[in-house]
Amino acid sequence: LFSRFREQSGRFSENLREDVRGLLSLYEASQLACEGETVLEEATAFSSEHLRARISRMDQRMSRQVRRALQVPLHRR
């Protein structure tokens, strides 16, 4: 499922850091992790780090959406 977000090395693609919608999708999906699901834990760390780094450069609507997702993931609303 997460192969489209990863490079052959297994790391999450650095190109993804510029794709806010992709990062947000990755973050939301990673929130469904169960304990011990390393790939999803890595996805959470990667996506939240890059979303936070870009939040000040997003338009107001996207910024609001990202802030809300980081506070309360979609599946918990």
Protein backbone atom coordinates (compact mmCIF):
# COMPACT_ATOMS: atom_id res chain seq x y z
CA LEU A 1 0.00 0.00 0.00
CA PHE A 2 2.76 2.45 0.85
CA SER A 3 5.07 1.41 -1.98
CA ARG A 4 4.08 4.42 -4.08
CA PHE A 5 5.42 6.70 -1.34
CA ARG A 6 8.73 4.83 -0.97
CA GLU A 7 11.93 4.65 -2.96
CA GLN A 8 13.67 1.38 -3.81
CA SER A 9 15.83 1.86 -0.73
CA GLY A 10 12.69 1.59 1.41
CA ARG A 11 12.85 5.19 2.59
CA PHE A 12 10.00 7.57 1.98
CA SER A 13 10.57 9.61 -1.15
CA GLU A 14 12.02 13.05 -0.51
CA ASN A 15 10.11 14.24 -3.59
CA LEU A 16 6.94 13.74 -1.58
CA ARG A 17 7.87 16.55 0.81
CA GLU A 18 6.71 19.09 -1.80
CA ASP A 19 3.36 17.33 -2.33
CA VAL A 20 1.21 18.63 0.51
CA ARG A 21 -1.85 16.60 -0.45
CA GLY A 22 0.25 13.46 -0.75
CA LEU A 23 1.84 14.11 2.64
CA LEU A 24 -1.55 14.70 4.19
CA SER A 25 -2.90 11.47 2.70
CA LEU A 26 0.14 9.59 3.94
CA TYR A 27 -0.26 11.11 7.40
CA GLU A 28 -3.96 10.27 7.62
CA ALA A 29 -3.37 6.69 6.46
CA SER A 30 -0.51 6.24 8.91
CA GLN A 31 -2.81 7.16 11.79
CA LEU A 32 -4.54 3.80 11.38
CA ALA A 33 -1.41 2.00 12.59
CA CYS A 34 -1.44 -0.65 15.24
CA GLU A 35 1.42 -0.94 17.68
CA GLY A 36 4.52 -2.37 16.06
CA GLU A 37 3.69 -1.43 12.47
CA THR A 38 7.05 0.10 11.73
CA VAL A 39 6.23 1.27 8.21
CA LEU A 40 3.24 3.24 9.46
CA GLU A 41 5.21 4.68 12.37
CA GLU A 42 7.87 5.83 9.89
CA ALA A 43 5.13 7.29 7.68
CA THR A 44 3.74 9.28 10.61
CA ALA A 45 7.15 10.69 11.49
CA PHE A 46 8.05 11.54 7.89
CA SER A 47 4.74 13.11 6.93
CA SER A 48 4.19 15.10 10.12
CA GLU A 49 7.73 16.49 10.00
CA HIS A 50 7.35 17.69 6.42
CA LEU A 51 3.80 18.99 6.90
CA ARG A 52 4.90 21.06 9.88
CA ALA A 53 7.87 22.41 7.93
CA ARG A 54 5.65 23.58 5.06
CA ILE A 55 2.61 24.81 6.96
CA SER A 56 3.66 28.47 6.90
CA ARG A 57 3.97 28.35 3.10
CA MET A 58 0.53 26.85 2.44
CA ASP A 59 -2.54 28.76 1.43
CA GLN A 60 -4.92 29.48 4.27
CA ARG A 61 -7.40 26.72 3.45
CA MET A 62 -4.76 24.00 3.17
CA SER A 63 -2.96 25.28 6.26
CA ARG A 64 -6.19 25.02 8.26
CA GLN A 65 -6.82 21.50 6.98
CA VAL A 66 -3.29 20.36 7.83
CA ARG A 67 -3.35 21.92 11.30
CA ARG A 68 -6.62 20.19 12.06
CA ALA A 69 -5.35 16.84 10.78
CA LEU A 70 -2.21 17.12 12.90
CA GLN A 71 -4.32 17.88 15.97
CA VAL A 72 -7.08 15.32 15.38
CA PRO A 73 -6.67 12.75 12.60
CA LEU A 74 -9.64 12.35 10.27
CA HIS A 75 -10.66 8.92 11.57
CA ARG A 76 -11.05 10.36 15.09
CA ARG A 77 -13.37 13.22 14.12
